[in-house]
Amino acid sequence: MSEVKSDAKDKVKVGVSTKDGQLGFLFTRGGLREGAGRKSTGVTKKVSLTLSEDIWQEIEQACEAQNASRSQVFRNIIEAYFVKETKES
């Protein structure tokens, strides 16, 4: 890990995480350590989705109503569908 000093009292560290060679910039406290950060909710896959403008407006309204991101709203819809499907089987 290399260290870069600035004129300010803050020091910046540059390091490579053990996860996928990610580069991290850190101040003198904290650090790149195993288990740090937000916990994963699953596997991320990029998807392109074409829907009518009306449906996109409904999704945006759901985001606002639930105070949630689009990803969270889609995740809730998909999980509810598969839970319902499993119960019906």
PDB file of N, CA and C in Angstrom:
ATOM      1  N   MET A   1       0.847  -1.163   0.000  1.00  0.00           N
ATOM      2  CA  MET A   1       0.000   0.000   0.000  1.00  0.00           C
ATOM      3  C   MET A   1       0.898   1.233   0.000  1.00  0.00           C
ATOM      4  N   SER A   2       0.674   2.133  -0.942  1.00  0.00           N
ATOM      5  CA  SER A   2       1.480   3.345  -1.000  1.00  0.00           C
ATOM      6  C   SER A   2       0.734   4.479  -0.311  1.00  0.00           C
ATOM      7  N   GLU A   3       1.471   5.491   0.064  1.00  0.00           N
ATOM      8  CA  GLU A   3       0.881   6.604   0.784  1.00  0.00           C
ATOM      9  C   GLU A   3       1.249   7.901   0.085  1.00  0.00           C
ATOM     10  N   VAL A   4       0.256   8.761  -0.101  1.00  0.00           N
ATOM     11  CA  VAL A   4       0.471  10.057  -0.734  1.00  0.00           C
ATOM     12  C   VAL A   4       0.164  11.115   0.313  1.00  0.00           C
ATOM     13  N   LYS A   5       1.076  12.041   0.516  1.00  0.00           N
ATOM     14  CA  LYS A   5       0.863  13.100   1.499  1.00  0.00           C
ATOM     15  C   LYS A   5       0.465  14.378   0.781  1.00  0.00           C
ATOM     16  N   SER A   6      -0.425  15.138   1.407  1.00  0.00           N
ATOM     17  CA  SER A   6      -0.833  16.419   0.854  1.00  0.00           C
ATOM     18  C   SER A   6      -0.451  17.514   1.834  1.00  0.00           C
ATOM     19  N   ASP A   7      -0.663  18.762   1.418  1.00  0.00           N
ATOM     20  CA  ASP A   7      -0.376  19.889   2.302  1.00  0.00           C
ATOM     21  C   ASP A   7      -1.334  19.892   3.492  1.00  0.00           C
ATOM     22  N   ALA A   8      -2.498  19.348   3.324  1.00  0.00           N
ATOM     23  CA  ALA A   8      -3.475  19.295   4.410  1.00  0.00           C
ATOM     24  C   ALA A   8      -3.042  18.238   5.425  1.00  0.00           C
ATOM     25  N   LYS A   9      -3.724  18.210   6.551  1.00  0.00           N
ATOM     26  CA  LYS A   9      -3.391  17.242   7.591  1.00  0.00           C
ATOM     27  C   LYS A   9      -3.859  15.837   7.240  1.00  0.00           C
ATOM     28  N   ASP A  10      -4.769  15.726   6.260  1.00  0.00           N
ATOM     29  CA  ASP A  10      -5.282  14.421   5.868  1.00  0.00           C
ATOM     30  C   ASP A  10      -4.256  13.680   5.022  1.00  0.00           C
ATOM     31  N   LYS A  11      -4.160  12.397   5.248  1.00  0.00           N
ATOM     32  CA  LYS A  11      -3.317  11.553   4.425  1.00  0.00           C
ATOM     33  C   LYS A  11      -4.224  10.649   3.618  1.00  0.00           C
ATOM     34  N   VAL A  12      -3.829  10.338   2.403  1.00  0.00           N
ATOM     35  CA  VAL A  12      -4.617   9.473   1.544  1.00  0.00           C
ATOM     36  C   VAL A  12      -3.819   8.220   1.276  1.00  0.00           C
ATOM     37  N   LYS A  13      -4.457   7.079   1.426  1.00  0.00           N
ATOM     38  CA  LYS A  13      -3.826   5.802   1.123  1.00  0.00           C
ATOM     39  C   LYS A  13      -4.458   5.233  -0.137  1.00  0.00           C
ATOM     40  N   VAL A  14      -3.662   4.631  -0.977  1.00  0.00           N
ATOM     41  CA  VAL A  14      -4.163   3.958  -2.165  1.00  0.00           C
ATOM     42  C   VAL A  14      -3.842   2.492  -1.987  1.00  0.00           C
ATOM     43  N   GLY A  15      -4.848   1.651  -2.099  1.00  0.00           N
ATOM     44  CA  GLY A  15      -4.618   0.228  -1.905  1.00  0.00           C
ATOM     45  C   GLY A  15      -5.473  -0.605  -2.826  1.00  0.00           C
ATOM     46  N   VAL A  16      -5.102  -1.852  -3.008  1.00  0.00           N
ATOM     47  CA  VAL A  16      -5.868  -2.778  -3.827  1.00  0.00           C
ATOM     48  C   VAL A  16      -6.582  -3.745  -2.903  1.00  0.00           C
ATOM     49  N   SER A  17      -7.893  -3.836  -3.061  1.00  0.00           N
ATOM     50  CA  SER A  17      -8.711  -4.724  -2.247  1.00  0.00           C
ATOM     51  C   SER A  17      -8.469  -6.168  -2.660  1.00  0.00           C
ATOM     52  N   THR A  18      -8.843  -7.091  -1.794  1.00  0.00           N
ATOM     53  CA  THR A  18      -8.730  -8.511  -2.127  1.00  0.00           C
ATOM     54  C   THR A  18      -9.872  -8.952  -3.034  1.00  0.00           C
ATOM     55  N   LYS A  19     -10.845  -8.088  -3.257  1.00  0.00           N
ATOM     56  CA  LYS A  19     -11.996  -8.421  -4.091  1.00  0.00           C
ATOM     57  C   LYS A  19     -11.794  -7.887  -5.505  1.00  0.00           C
ATOM     58  N   ASP A  20     -11.601  -8.748  -6.462  1.00  0.00           N
ATOM     59  CA  ASP A  20     -11.536  -8.412  -7.887  1.00  0.00           C
ATOM     60  C   ASP A  20     -10.542  -7.298  -8.218  1.00  0.00           C
ATOM     61  N   GLY A  21      -9.498  -7.131  -7.451  1.00  0.00           N
ATOM     62  CA  GLY A  21      -8.481  -6.135  -7.743  1.00  0.00           C
ATOM     63  C   GLY A  21      -8.984  -4.711  -7.738  1.00  0.00           C
ATOM     64  N   GLN A  22     -10.015  -4.417  -6.944  1.00  0.00           N
ATOM     65  CA  GLN A  22     -10.572  -3.075  -6.897  1.00  0.00           C
ATOM     66  C   GLN A  22      -9.580  -2.113  -6.257  1.00  0.00           C
ATOM     67  N   LEU A  23      -9.530  -0.913  -6.813  1.00  0.00           N
ATOM     68  CA  LEU A  23      -8.644   0.123  -6.298  1.00  0.00           C
ATOM     69  C   LEU A  23      -9.427   0.976  -5.313  1.00  0.00           C
ATOM     70  N   GLY A  24      -8.844   1.269  -4.163  1.00  0.00           N
ATOM     71  CA  GLY A  24      -9.540   2.055  -3.158  1.00  0.00           C
ATOM     72  C   GLY A  24      -8.709   3.231  -2.696  1.00  0.00           C
ATOM     73  N   PHE A  25      -9.360   4.365  -2.473  1.00  0.00           N
ATOM     74  CA  PHE A  25      -8.712   5.550  -1.935  1.00  0.00           C
ATOM     75  C   PHE A  25      -9.258   5.744  -0.529  1.00  0.00           C
ATOM     76  N   LEU A  26      -8.382   5.851   0.442  1.00  0.00           N
ATOM     77  CA  LEU A  26      -8.806   5.900   1.832  1.00  0.00           C
ATOM     78  C   LEU A  26      -8.139   7.048   2.558  1.00  0.00           C
ATOM     79  N   PHE A  27      -8.814   7.549   3.576  1.00  0.00           N
ATOM     80  CA  PHE A  27      -8.170   8.489   4.461  1.00  0.00           C
ATOM     81  C   PHE A  27      -7.491   7.690   5.563  1.00  0.00           C
ATOM     82  N   THR A  28      -6.853   8.333   6.499  1.00  0.00           N
ATOM     83  CA  THR A  28      -6.025   7.618   7.470  1.00  0.00           C
ATOM     84  C   THR A  28      -6.817   6.670   8.365  1.00  0.00           C
ATOM     85  N   ARG A  29      -8.096   6.859   8.489  1.00  0.00           N
ATOM     86  CA  ARG A  29      -8.910   5.947   9.305  1.00  0.00           C
ATOM     87  C   ARG A  29      -9.688   5.005   8.398  1.00  0.00           C
ATOM     88  N   GLY A  30     -10.034   3.857   8.921  1.00  0.00           N
ATOM     89  CA  GLY A  30     -10.772   2.881   8.122  1.00  0.00           C
ATOM     90  C   GLY A  30      -9.823   2.150   7.195  1.00  0.00           C
ATOM     91  N   GLY A  31     -10.382   1.380   6.317  1.00  0.00           N
ATOM     92  CA  GLY A  31      -9.499   0.705   5.386  1.00  0.00           C
ATOM     93  C   GLY A  31     -10.200  -0.366   4.603  1.00  0.00           C
ATOM     94  N   LEU A  32      -9.500  -0.889   3.618  1.00  0.00           N
ATOM     95  CA  LEU A  32     -10.005  -1.994   2.833  1.00  0.00           C
ATOM     96  C   LEU A  32      -9.788  -3.253   3.649  1.00  0.00           C
ATOM     97  N   ARG A  33     -10.860  -3.786   4.153  1.00  0.00           N
ATOM     98  CA  ARG A  33     -10.732  -4.993   4.955  1.00  0.00           C
ATOM     99  C   ARG A  33     -11.892  -5.924   4.633  1.00  0.00           C
ATOM    100  N   GLU A  34     -11.628  -7.183   4.755  1.00  0.00           N
ATOM    101  CA  GLU A  34     -12.626  -8.201   4.455  1.00  0.00           C
ATOM    102  C   GLU A  34     -13.862  -7.999   5.320  1.00  0.00           C
ATOM    103  N   GLY A  35     -15.028  -8.034   4.706  1.00  0.00           N
ATOM    104  CA  GLY A  35     -16.277  -7.895   5.439  1.00  0.00           C
ATOM    105  C   GLY A  35     -16.735  -6.464   5.638  1.00  0.00           C
ATOM    106  N   ALA A  36     -15.939  -5.485   5.199  1.00  0.00           N
ATOM    107  CA  ALA A  36     -16.324  -4.084   5.366  1.00  0.00           C
ATOM    108  C   ALA A  36     -17.304  -3.689   4.262  1.00  0.00           C
ATOM    109  N   GLY A  37     -18.147  -2.720   4.542  1.00  0.00           N
ATOM    110  CA  GLY A  37     -19.052  -2.196   3.534  1.00  0.00           C
ATOM    111  C   GLY A  37     -20.422  -2.837   3.568  1.00  0.00           C
ATOM    112  N   ARG A  38     -21.238  -2.420   2.602  1.00  0.00           N
ATOM    113  CA  ARG A  38     -22.617  -2.907   2.517  1.00  0.00           C
ATOM    114  C   ARG A  38     -22.638  -4.375   2.137  1.00  0.00           C
ATOM    115  N   LYS A  39     -23.498  -5.131   2.793  1.00  0.00           N
ATOM    116  CA  LYS A  39     -23.610  -6.559   2.506  1.00  0.00           C
ATOM    117  C   LYS A  39     -24.395  -6.762   1.219  1.00  0.00           C
ATOM    118  N   SER A  40     -24.028  -7.754   0.460  1.00  0.00           N
ATOM    119  CA  SER A  40     -24.652  -8.051  -0.817  1.00  0.00           C
ATOM    120  C   SER A  40     -26.048  -8.620  -0.619  1.00  0.00           C
ATOM    121  N   THR A  41     -26.968  -8.237  -1.532  1.00  0.00           N
ATOM    122  CA  THR A  41     -28.310  -8.812  -1.484  1.00  0.00           C
ATOM    123  C   THR A  41     -28.434  -9.950  -2.485  1.00  0.00           C
ATOM    124  N   GLY A  42     -27.412 -10.197  -3.267  1.00  0.00           N
ATOM    125  CA  GLY A  42     -27.456 -11.265  -4.259  1.00  0.00           C
ATOM    126  C   GLY A  42     -26.491 -11.003  -5.387  1.00  0.00           C
ATOM    127  N   VAL A  43     -26.745 -11.634  -6.520  1.00  0.00           N
ATOM    128  CA  VAL A  43     -25.897 -11.512  -7.700  1.00  0.00           C
ATOM    129  C   VAL A  43     -26.439 -10.382  -8.569  1.00  0.00           C
ATOM    130  N   THR A  44     -25.569  -9.506  -9.035  1.00  0.00           N
ATOM    131  CA  THR A  44     -25.980  -8.399  -9.890  1.00  0.00           C
ATOM    132  C   THR A  44     -25.803  -8.784 -11.348  1.00  0.00           C
ATOM    133  N   LYS A  45     -26.880  -8.618 -12.116  1.00  0.00           N
ATOM    134  CA  LYS A  45     -26.839  -8.830 -13.560  1.00  0.00           C
ATOM    135  C   LYS A  45     -27.534  -7.648 -14.209  1.00  0.00           C
ATOM    136  N   LYS A  46     -26.920  -7.103 -15.231  1.00  0.00           N
ATOM    137  CA  LYS A  46     -27.480  -5.962 -15.936  1.00  0.00           C
ATOM    138  C   LYS A  46     -28.546  -6.446 -16.916  1.00  0.00           C
ATOM    139  N   VAL A  47     -29.692  -5.760 -16.917  1.00  0.00           N
ATOM    140  CA  VAL A  47     -30.817  -6.136 -17.765  1.00  0.00           C
ATOM    141  C   VAL A  47     -31.366  -4.885 -18.432  1.00  0.00           C
ATOM    142  N   SER A  48     -31.693  -4.992 -19.703  1.00  0.00           N
ATOM    143  CA  SER A  48     -32.352  -3.913 -20.416  1.00  0.00           C
ATOM    144  C   SER A  48     -33.823  -4.288 -20.562  1.00  0.00           C
ATOM    145  N   LEU A  49     -34.708  -3.367 -20.246  1.00  0.00           N
ATOM    146  CA  LEU A  49     -36.129  -3.682 -20.206  1.00  0.00           C
ATOM    147  C   LEU A  49     -36.914  -2.625 -20.963  1.00  0.00           C
ATOM    148  N   THR A  50     -37.732  -3.053 -21.909  1.00  0.00           N
ATOM    149  CA  THR A  50     -38.573  -2.136 -22.665  1.00  0.00           C
ATOM    150  C   THR A  50     -40.006  -2.266 -22.170  1.00  0.00           C
ATOM    151  N   LEU A  51     -40.554  -1.151 -21.675  1.00  0.00           N
ATOM    152  CA  LEU A  51     -41.925  -1.103 -21.188  1.00  0.00           C
ATOM    153  C   LEU A  51     -42.585   0.153 -21.738  1.00  0.00           C
ATOM    154  N   SER A  52     -43.906   0.183 -21.710  1.00  0.00           N
ATOM    155  CA  SER A  52     -44.620   1.379 -22.176  1.00  0.00           C
ATOM    156  C   SER A  52     -44.349   2.540 -21.221  1.00  0.00           C
ATOM    157  N   GLU A  53     -44.567   3.737 -21.730  1.00  0.00           N
ATOM    158  CA  GLU A  53     -44.361   4.937 -20.907  1.00  0.00           C
ATOM    159  C   GLU A  53     -45.278   4.914 -19.691  1.00  0.00           C
ATOM    160  N   ASP A  54     -46.495   4.404 -19.852  1.00  0.00           N
ATOM    161  CA  ASP A  54     -47.441   4.314 -18.725  1.00  0.00           C
ATOM    162  C   ASP A  54     -46.890   3.428 -17.606  1.00  0.00           C
ATOM    163  N   ILE A  55     -46.326   2.290 -17.967  1.00  0.00           N
ATOM    164  CA  ILE A  55     -45.776   1.369 -16.962  1.00  0.00           C
ATOM    165  C   ILE A  55     -44.575   2.012 -16.265  1.00  0.00           C
ATOM    166  N   TRP A  56     -43.704   2.702 -17.038  1.00  0.00           N
ATOM    167  CA  TRP A  56     -42.554   3.367 -16.422  1.00  0.00           C
ATOM    168  C   TRP A  56     -43.026   4.419 -15.426  1.00  0.00           C
ATOM    169  N   GLN A  57     -44.112   5.136 -15.756  1.00  0.00           N
ATOM    170  CA  GLN A  57     -44.645   6.138 -14.824  1.00  0.00           C
ATOM    171  C   GLN A  57     -45.152   5.464 -13.546  1.00  0.00           C
ATOM    172  N   GLU A  58     -45.805   4.307 -13.701  1.00  0.00           N
ATOM    173  CA  GLU A  58     -46.286   3.556 -12.522  1.00  0.00           C
ATOM    174  C   GLU A  58     -45.110   3.113 -11.647  1.00  0.00           C
ATOM    175  N   ILE A  59     -44.044   2.689 -12.290  1.00  0.00           N
ATOM    176  CA  ILE A  59     -42.855   2.245 -11.549  1.00  0.00           C
ATOM    177  C   ILE A  59     -42.245   3.428 -10.801  1.00  0.00           C
ATOM    178  N   GLU A  60     -42.143   4.577 -11.468  1.00  0.00           N
ATOM    179  CA  GLU A  60     -41.601   5.772 -10.808  1.00  0.00           C
ATOM    180  C   GLU A  60     -42.468   6.178  -9.623  1.00  0.00           C
ATOM    181  N   GLN A  61     -43.797   6.075  -9.773  1.00  0.00           N
ATOM    182  CA  GLN A  61     -44.704   6.402  -8.666  1.00  0.00           C
ATOM    183  C   GLN A  61     -44.508   5.423  -7.509  1.00  0.00           C
ATOM    184  N   ALA A  62     -44.308   4.145  -7.835  1.00  0.00           N
ATOM    185  CA  ALA A  62     -44.058   3.142  -6.789  1.00  0.00           C
ATOM    186  C   ALA A  62     -42.758   3.452  -6.059  1.00  0.00           C
ATOM    187  N   CYS A  63     -41.748   3.898  -6.800  1.00  0.00           N
ATOM    188  CA  CYS A  63     -40.464   4.267  -6.179  1.00  0.00           C
ATOM    189  C   CYS A  63     -40.668   5.395  -5.172  1.00  0.00           C
ATOM    190  N   GLU A  64     -41.410   6.402  -5.572  1.00  0.00           N
ATOM    191  CA  GLU A  64     -41.662   7.535  -4.681  1.00  0.00           C
ATOM    192  C   GLU A  64     -42.499   7.112  -3.474  1.00  0.00           C
ATOM    193  N   ALA A  65     -43.554   6.324  -3.725  1.00  0.00           N
ATOM    194  CA  ALA A  65     -44.454   5.900  -2.650  1.00  0.00           C
ATOM    195  C   ALA A  65     -43.735   5.034  -1.621  1.00  0.00           C
ATOM    196  N   GLN A  66     -42.823   4.183  -2.111  1.00  0.00           N
ATOM    197  CA  GLN A  66     -42.103   3.270  -1.225  1.00  0.00           C
ATOM    198  C   GLN A  66     -40.774   3.847  -0.743  1.00  0.00           C
ATOM    199  N   ASN A  67     -40.446   5.052  -1.241  1.00  0.00           N
ATOM    200  CA  ASN A  67     -39.142   5.657  -0.947  1.00  0.00           C
ATOM    201  C   ASN A  67     -38.032   4.647  -1.236  1.00  0.00           C
ATOM    202  N   ALA A  68     -38.087   4.085  -2.448  1.00  0.00           N
ATOM    203  CA  ALA A  68     -37.173   3.015  -2.835  1.00  0.00           C
ATOM    204  C   ALA A  68     -36.599   3.296  -4.220  1.00  0.00           C
ATOM    205  N   SER A  69     -35.476   2.665  -4.501  1.00  0.00           N
ATOM    206  CA  SER A  69     -34.866   2.783  -5.824  1.00  0.00           C
ATOM    207  C   SER A  69     -35.620   1.896  -6.811  1.00  0.00           C
ATOM    208  N   ARG A  70     -35.387   2.108  -8.102  1.00  0.00           N
ATOM    209  CA  ARG A  70     -35.983   1.235  -9.117  1.00  0.00           C
ATOM    210  C   ARG A  70     -35.580  -0.206  -8.889  1.00  0.00           C
ATOM    211  N   SER A  71     -34.319  -0.415  -8.554  1.00  0.00           N
ATOM    212  CA  SER A  71     -33.844  -1.781  -8.312  1.00  0.00           C
ATOM    213  C   SER A  71     -34.630  -2.442  -7.191  1.00  0.00           C
ATOM    214  N   GLN A  72     -34.864  -1.693  -6.117  1.00  0.00           N
ATOM    215  CA  GLN A  72     -35.622  -2.255  -4.993  1.00  0.00           C
ATOM    216  C   GLN A  72     -37.053  -2.580  -5.395  1.00  0.00           C
ATOM    217  N   VAL A  73     -37.682  -1.693  -6.170  1.00  0.00           N
ATOM    218  CA  VAL A  73     -39.059  -1.923  -6.608  1.00  0.00           C
ATOM    219  C   VAL A  73     -39.122  -3.155  -7.511  1.00  0.00           C
ATOM    220  N   PHE A  74     -38.222  -3.236  -8.487  1.00  0.00           N
ATOM    221  CA  PHE A  74     -38.203  -4.415  -9.363  1.00  0.00           C
ATOM    222  C   PHE A  74     -37.924  -5.688  -8.565  1.00  0.00           C
ATOM    223  N   ARG A  75     -36.988  -5.615  -7.625  1.00  0.00           N
ATOM    224  CA  ARG A  75     -36.678  -6.780  -6.794  1.00  0.00           C
ATOM    225  C   ARG A  75     -37.919  -7.234  -6.022  1.00  0.00           C
ATOM    226  N   ASN A  76     -38.653  -6.281  -5.431  1.00  0.00           N
ATOM    227  CA  ASN A  76     -39.873  -6.611  -4.695  1.00  0.00           C
ATOM    228  C   ASN A  76     -40.923  -7.261  -5.598  1.00  0.00           C
ATOM    229  N   ILE A  77     -41.111  -6.705  -6.801  1.00  0.00           N
ATOM    230  CA  ILE A  77     -42.090  -7.251  -7.742  1.00  0.00           C
ATOM    231  C   ILE A  77     -41.711  -8.680  -8.138  1.00  0.00           C
ATOM    232  N   ILE A  78     -40.463  -8.879  -8.494  1.00  0.00           N
ATOM    233  CA  ILE A  78     -40.006 -10.197  -8.948  1.00  0.00           C
ATOM    234  C   ILE A  78     -40.059 -11.215  -7.819  1.00  0.00           C
ATOM    235  N   GLU A  79     -39.597 -10.836  -6.634  1.00  0.00           N
ATOM    236  CA  GLU A  79     -39.629 -11.764  -5.503  1.00  0.00           C
ATOM    237  C   GLU A  79     -41.068 -12.118  -5.131  1.00  0.00           C
ATOM    238  N   ALA A  80     -41.979 -11.140  -5.163  1.00  0.00           N
ATOM    239  CA  ALA A  80     -43.386 -11.412  -4.852  1.00  0.00           C
ATOM    240  C   ALA A  80     -43.976 -12.378  -5.870  1.00  0.00           C
ATOM    241  N   TYR A  81     -43.618 -12.215  -7.125  1.00  0.00           N
ATOM    242  CA  TYR A  81     -44.117 -13.109  -8.173  1.00  0.00           C
ATOM    243  C   TYR A  81     -43.661 -14.542  -7.921  1.00  0.00           C
ATOM    244  N   PHE A  82     -42.383 -14.722  -7.645  1.00  0.00           N
ATOM    245  CA  PHE A  82     -41.864 -16.076  -7.462  1.00  0.00           C
ATOM    246  C   PHE A  82     -42.315 -16.704  -6.149  1.00  0.00           C
ATOM    247  N   VAL A  83     -42.525 -15.916  -5.113  1.00  0.00           N
ATOM    248  CA  VAL A  83     -43.055 -16.450  -3.856  1.00  0.00           C
ATOM    249  C   VAL A  83     -44.486 -16.920  -4.088  1.00  0.00           C
ATOM    250  N   LYS A  84     -45.284 -16.110  -4.795  1.00  0.00           N
ATOM    251  CA  LYS A  84     -46.671 -16.461  -5.102  1.00  0.00           C
ATOM    252  C   LYS A  84     -46.712 -17.738  -5.946  1.00  0.00           C
ATOM    253  N   GLU A  85     -45.852 -17.811  -6.957  1.00  0.00           N
ATOM    254  CA  GLU A  85     -45.803 -18.971  -7.854  1.00  0.00           C
ATOM    255  C   GLU A  85     -45.439 -20.238  -7.067  1.00  0.00           C
ATOM    256  N   THR A  86     -44.518 -20.123  -6.131  1.00  0.00           N
ATOM    257  CA  THR A  86     -44.096 -21.262  -5.325  1.00  0.00           C
ATOM    258  C   THR A  86     -45.244 -21.736  -4.427  1.00  0.00           C
ATOM    259  N   LYS A  87     -46.004 -20.808  -3.848  1.00  0.00           N
ATOM    260  CA  LYS A  87     -47.121 -21.169  -2.972  1.00  0.00           C
ATOM    261  C   LYS A  87     -48.245 -21.847  -3.747  1.00  0.00           C
ATOM    262  N   GLU A  88     -48.416 -21.469  -5.030  1.00  0.00           N
ATOM    263  CA  GLU A  88     -49.482 -22.049  -5.848  1.00  0.00           C
ATOM    264  C   GLU A  88     -49.127 -23.443  -6.352  1.00  0.00           C
ATOM    265  N   SER A  89     -47.862 -23.805  -6.322  1.00  0.00           N
ATOM    266  CA  SER A  89     -47.434 -25.116  -6.840  1.00  0.00           C
ATOM    267  C   SER A  89     -47.738 -26.246  -5.885  1.00  0.00           C
TER     268      SER A  89
END
